[in-house]
Amino acid sequence: MTSYDQSNIFARIIRGEISAHKVYEDGDVLVMMDIFSQSRGHVLVIPKAASRNLLDAAPATLANVLTTVQRVARAAEAAFSADGIRVQQFNEAPAGQTVFHLHFHVIPIYANVELGRHAGLKADDAELAADAKAIAAQLD
């Protein structure tokens, strides 16, 4: 397996070098809107620990992240009255991973509405900001 690259975009966001539409943050985890959202309310849950993907993450890192994934999934479902929630996670390029920092996609699903393509069109910044606030309000 290839080693972790400290210059990946998520590491840069964690360090504050690049802005993001943050939904939630604590000492271990960052939740942000996916700028290439597949549906309204699509978020990314990432550990702050340097992990390339699920295969090299420490068990404690996974425990913290998955607890947050569940909490955020419930909040997104409530915020947007979603009909379901899809959680996706990719490991290495052949499996679809494009950013090599462990992350989970939490994607609200709406009946009879097709998902956008992964890494397709960039979402509107104003909509992302509003959606981030709506999910964060459900976390309180």
C-alpha atoms as a PDB file:
ATOM      1  CA  MET A   1       0.000   0.000   0.000  1.00  0.00           C
ATOM      2  CA  THR A   2       1.149   3.528  -0.767  1.00  0.00           C
ATOM      3  CA  SER A   3       2.006   5.749   2.193  1.00  0.00           C
ATOM      4  CA  TYR A   4      -0.150   8.610   3.445  1.00  0.00           C
ATOM      5  CA  ASP A   5       0.318  11.912   1.586  1.00  0.00           C
ATOM      6  CA  GLN A   6       0.194  14.907   3.961  1.00  0.00           C
ATOM      7  CA  SER A   7      -0.591  17.219   1.023  1.00  0.00           C
ATOM      8  CA  ASN A   8      -3.971  15.637   0.149  1.00  0.00           C
ATOM      9  CA  ILE A   9      -6.898  18.060   0.086  1.00  0.00           C
ATOM     10  CA  PHE A  10      -8.532  16.718   3.273  1.00  0.00           C
ATOM     11  CA  ALA A  11      -5.306  17.041   5.262  1.00  0.00           C
ATOM     12  CA  ARG A  12      -5.055  20.624   3.993  1.00  0.00           C
ATOM     13  CA  ILE A  13      -8.655  21.326   5.052  1.00  0.00           C
ATOM     14  CA  ILE A  14      -7.991  19.870   8.519  1.00  0.00           C
ATOM     15  CA  ARG A  15      -4.946  22.165   8.841  1.00  0.00           C
ATOM     16  CA  GLY A  16      -7.059  25.168   7.783  1.00  0.00           C
ATOM     17  CA  GLU A  17      -5.175  25.774   4.535  1.00  0.00           C
ATOM     18  CA  ILE A  18      -8.335  25.328   2.447  1.00  0.00           C
ATOM     19  CA  SER A  19     -11.848  26.349   3.453  1.00  0.00           C
ATOM     20  CA  ALA A  20     -14.787  23.967   3.658  1.00  0.00           C
ATOM     21  CA  HIS A  21     -18.466  24.096   4.547  1.00  0.00           C
ATOM     22  CA  LYS A  22     -18.099  22.573   8.004  1.00  0.00           C
ATOM     23  CA  VAL A  23     -21.045  20.880   9.664  1.00  0.00           C
ATOM     24  CA  TYR A  24     -19.330  19.623  12.828  1.00  0.00           C
ATOM     25  CA  GLU A  25     -15.833  19.400  14.250  1.00  0.00           C
ATOM     26  CA  ASP A  26     -14.242  18.066  17.403  1.00  0.00           C
ATOM     27  CA  GLY A  27     -10.724  17.038  18.332  1.00  0.00           C
ATOM     28  CA  ASP A  28     -10.879  13.798  16.333  1.00  0.00           C
ATOM     29  CA  VAL A  29     -13.370  14.233  13.485  1.00  0.00           C
ATOM     30  CA  LEU A  30     -14.406  16.796  10.865  1.00  0.00           C
ATOM     31  CA  VAL A  31     -17.747  16.707   9.047  1.00  0.00           C
ATOM     32  CA  MET A  32     -18.124  18.852   5.945  1.00  0.00           C
ATOM     33  CA  MET A  33     -20.370  19.166   2.936  1.00  0.00           C
ATOM     34  CA  ASP A  34     -19.240  17.326  -0.179  1.00  0.00           C
ATOM     35  CA  ILE A  35     -18.748  20.044  -2.807  1.00  0.00           C
ATOM     36  CA  PHE A  36     -19.517  17.442  -5.479  1.00  0.00           C
ATOM     37  CA  SER A  37     -22.718  16.356  -3.769  1.00  0.00           C
ATOM     38  CA  GLN A  38     -24.728  13.470  -5.142  1.00  0.00           C
ATOM     39  CA  SER A  39     -27.872  14.604  -3.316  1.00  0.00           C
ATOM     40  CA  ARG A  40     -29.029  17.381  -1.011  1.00  0.00           C
ATOM     41  CA  GLY A  41     -27.302  16.999   2.353  1.00  0.00           C
ATOM     42  CA  HIS A  42     -24.361  14.864   1.130  1.00  0.00           C
ATOM     43  CA  VAL A  43     -21.592  15.131   3.733  1.00  0.00           C
ATOM     44  CA  LEU A  44     -18.131  13.709   4.305  1.00  0.00           C
ATOM     45  CA  VAL A  45     -17.023  12.442   7.697  1.00  0.00           C
ATOM     46  CA  ILE A  46     -13.250  12.342   8.077  1.00  0.00           C
ATOM     47  CA  PRO A  47     -10.900  11.576  10.942  1.00  0.00           C
ATOM     48  CA  LYS A  48      -8.257  14.135  11.774  1.00  0.00           C
ATOM     49  CA  ALA A  49      -5.760  11.297  12.229  1.00  0.00           C
ATOM     50  CA  ALA A  50      -3.610  10.619   9.182  1.00  0.00           C
ATOM     51  CA  SER A  51      -5.133   7.503   7.610  1.00  0.00           C
ATOM     52  CA  ARG A  52      -5.021   6.748   3.905  1.00  0.00           C
ATOM     53  CA  ASN A  53      -8.185   4.641   4.147  1.00  0.00           C
ATOM     54  CA  LEU A  54      -9.990   1.964   6.152  1.00  0.00           C
ATOM     55  CA  LEU A  55      -7.153  -0.502   5.650  1.00  0.00           C
ATOM     56  CA  ASP A  56      -4.536   1.448   7.620  1.00  0.00           C
ATOM     57  CA  ALA A  57      -6.726   3.275  10.158  1.00  0.00           C
ATOM     58  CA  ALA A  58      -6.318   2.585  13.860  1.00  0.00           C
ATOM     59  CA  PRO A  59      -9.307   0.859  15.505  1.00  0.00           C
ATOM     60  CA  ALA A  60      -9.841   3.853  17.827  1.00  0.00           C
ATOM     61  CA  THR A  61      -9.963   6.173  14.802  1.00  0.00           C
ATOM     62  CA  LEU A  62     -12.587   3.989  13.167  1.00  0.00           C
ATOM     63  CA  ALA A  63     -14.665   3.884  16.353  1.00  0.00           C
ATOM     64  CA  ASN A  64     -14.704   7.699  16.606  1.00  0.00           C
ATOM     65  CA  VAL A  65     -15.489   8.184  12.934  1.00  0.00           C
ATOM     66  CA  LEU A  66     -18.263   5.594  12.753  1.00  0.00           C
ATOM     67  CA  THR A  67     -19.964   6.974  15.846  1.00  0.00           C
ATOM     68  CA  THR A  68     -19.986  10.356  14.118  1.00  0.00           C
ATOM     69  CA  VAL A  69     -21.195   8.814  10.835  1.00  0.00           C
ATOM     70  CA  GLN A  70     -24.245   7.436  12.633  1.00  0.00           C
ATOM     71  CA  ARG A  71     -24.955  10.704  14.412  1.00  0.00           C
ATOM     72  CA  VAL A  72     -24.615  12.759  11.220  1.00  0.00           C
ATOM     73  CA  ALA A  73     -26.712  10.288   9.212  1.00  0.00           C
ATOM     74  CA  ARG A  74     -29.561  10.737  11.686  1.00  0.00           C
ATOM     75  CA  ALA A  75     -29.178  14.522  11.553  1.00  0.00           C
ATOM     76  CA  ALA A  76     -29.140  14.649   7.741  1.00  0.00           C
ATOM     77  CA  GLU A  77     -32.175  12.384   7.536  1.00  0.00           C
ATOM     78  CA  ALA A  78     -34.061  14.646   9.943  1.00  0.00           C
ATOM     79  CA  ALA A  79     -32.888  17.920   8.362  1.00  0.00           C
ATOM     80  CA  PHE A  80     -34.052  17.009   4.869  1.00  0.00           C
ATOM     81  CA  SER A  81     -36.788  14.424   5.500  1.00  0.00           C
ATOM     82  CA  ALA A  82     -34.746  11.911   3.511  1.00  0.00           C
ATOM     83  CA  ASP A  83     -36.309   8.554   2.678  1.00  0.00           C
ATOM     84  CA  GLY A  84     -33.043   6.747   3.425  1.00  0.00           C
ATOM     85  CA  ILE A  85     -29.326   7.190   3.963  1.00  0.00           C
ATOM     86  CA  ARG A  86     -26.474   5.673   1.984  1.00  0.00           C
ATOM     87  CA  VAL A  87     -23.026   5.403   3.559  1.00  0.00           C
ATOM     88  CA  GLN A  88     -20.124   4.839   1.164  1.00  0.00           C
ATOM     89  CA  GLN A  89     -16.424   4.411   1.724  1.00  0.00           C
ATOM     90  CA  PHE A  90     -13.766   3.587  -0.899  1.00  0.00           C
ATOM     91  CA  ASN A  91     -10.320   2.008  -0.458  1.00  0.00           C
ATOM     92  CA  GLU A  92      -7.700   2.656  -3.159  1.00  0.00           C
ATOM     93  CA  ALA A  93      -8.164   3.931  -6.704  1.00  0.00           C
ATOM     94  CA  PRO A  94      -9.466   0.701  -8.280  1.00  0.00           C
ATOM     95  CA  ALA A  95     -12.309   0.761  -5.716  1.00  0.00           C
ATOM     96  CA  GLY A  96     -13.189   4.392  -6.509  1.00  0.00           C
ATOM     97  CA  GLN A  97     -11.140   6.309  -3.924  1.00  0.00           C
ATOM     98  CA  THR A  98     -10.058   9.683  -5.310  1.00  0.00           C
ATOM     99  CA  VAL A  99      -8.860  11.456  -2.148  1.00  0.00           C
ATOM    100  CA  PHE A 100      -6.419   9.332  -0.192  1.00  0.00           C
ATOM    101  CA  HIS A 101      -7.486  10.304   3.308  1.00  0.00           C
ATOM    102  CA  LEU A 102     -10.009   8.066   5.061  1.00  0.00           C
ATOM    103  CA  HIS A 103     -13.521   9.444   4.604  1.00  0.00           C
ATOM    104  CA  PHE A 104     -17.110   8.290   4.673  1.00  0.00           C
ATOM    105  CA  HIS A 105     -19.830   9.665   2.418  1.00  0.00           C
ATOM    106  CA  VAL A 106     -23.197  10.116   4.142  1.00  0.00           C
ATOM    107  CA  ILE A 107     -25.718  10.577   1.340  1.00  0.00           C
ATOM    108  CA  PRO A 108     -29.409  11.271   1.945  1.00  0.00           C
ATOM    109  CA  ILE A 109     -31.584   9.293  -0.458  1.00  0.00           C
ATOM    110  CA  TYR A 110     -34.919  10.569  -1.729  1.00  0.00           C
ATOM    111  CA  ALA A 111     -37.541   8.289  -3.292  1.00  0.00           C
ATOM    112  CA  ASN A 112     -37.726   8.617  -7.086  1.00  0.00           C
ATOM    113  CA  VAL A 113     -34.752  11.023  -7.219  1.00  0.00           C
ATOM    114  CA  GLU A 114     -31.602   9.837  -8.965  1.00  0.00           C
ATOM    115  CA  LEU A 115     -28.235  10.484  -7.359  1.00  0.00           C
ATOM    116  CA  GLY A 116     -25.752  12.740  -9.070  1.00  0.00           C
ATOM    117  CA  ARG A 117     -22.514  11.234 -10.315  1.00  0.00           C
ATOM    118  CA  HIS A 118     -19.675  10.851  -7.779  1.00  0.00           C
ATOM    119  CA  ALA A 119     -17.246  13.759  -8.310  1.00  0.00           C
ATOM    120  CA  GLY A 120     -19.587  15.247 -10.923  1.00  0.00           C
ATOM    121  CA  LEU A 121     -20.675  18.889 -10.870  1.00  0.00           C
ATOM    122  CA  LYS A 122     -19.635  21.288  -8.105  1.00  0.00           C
ATOM    123  CA  ALA A 123     -22.561  22.275  -5.880  1.00  0.00           C
ATOM    124  CA  ASP A 124     -23.648  25.873  -5.251  1.00  0.00           C
ATOM    125  CA  ASP A 125     -21.761  27.414  -2.295  1.00  0.00           C
ATOM    126  CA  ALA A 126     -24.847  29.151  -0.874  1.00  0.00           C
ATOM    127  CA  GLU A 127     -26.798  25.870  -0.908  1.00  0.00           C
ATOM    128  CA  LEU A 128     -23.904  24.026   0.739  1.00  0.00           C
ATOM    129  CA  ALA A 129     -23.690  26.654   3.475  1.00  0.00           C
ATOM    130  CA  ALA A 130     -27.441  26.466   4.128  1.00  0.00           C
ATOM    131  CA  ASP A 131     -27.397  22.661   4.138  1.00  0.00           C
ATOM    132  CA  ALA A 132     -24.458  22.626   6.565  1.00  0.00           C
ATOM    133  CA  LYS A 133     -26.431  24.822   8.963  1.00  0.00           C
ATOM    134  CA  ALA A 134     -29.545  22.653   8.637  1.00  0.00           C
ATOM    135  CA  ILE A 135     -27.635  19.470   9.512  1.00  0.00           C
ATOM    136  CA  ALA A 136     -25.687  21.163  12.326  1.00  0.00           C
ATOM    137  CA  ALA A 137     -28.978  22.338  13.859  1.00  0.00           C
ATOM    138  CA  GLN A 138     -30.123  18.704  14.055  1.00  0.00           C
ATOM    139  CA  LEU A 139     -26.899  17.738  15.866  1.00  0.00           C
ATOM    140  CA  ASP A 140     -27.632  20.070  18.795  1.00  0.00           C
END
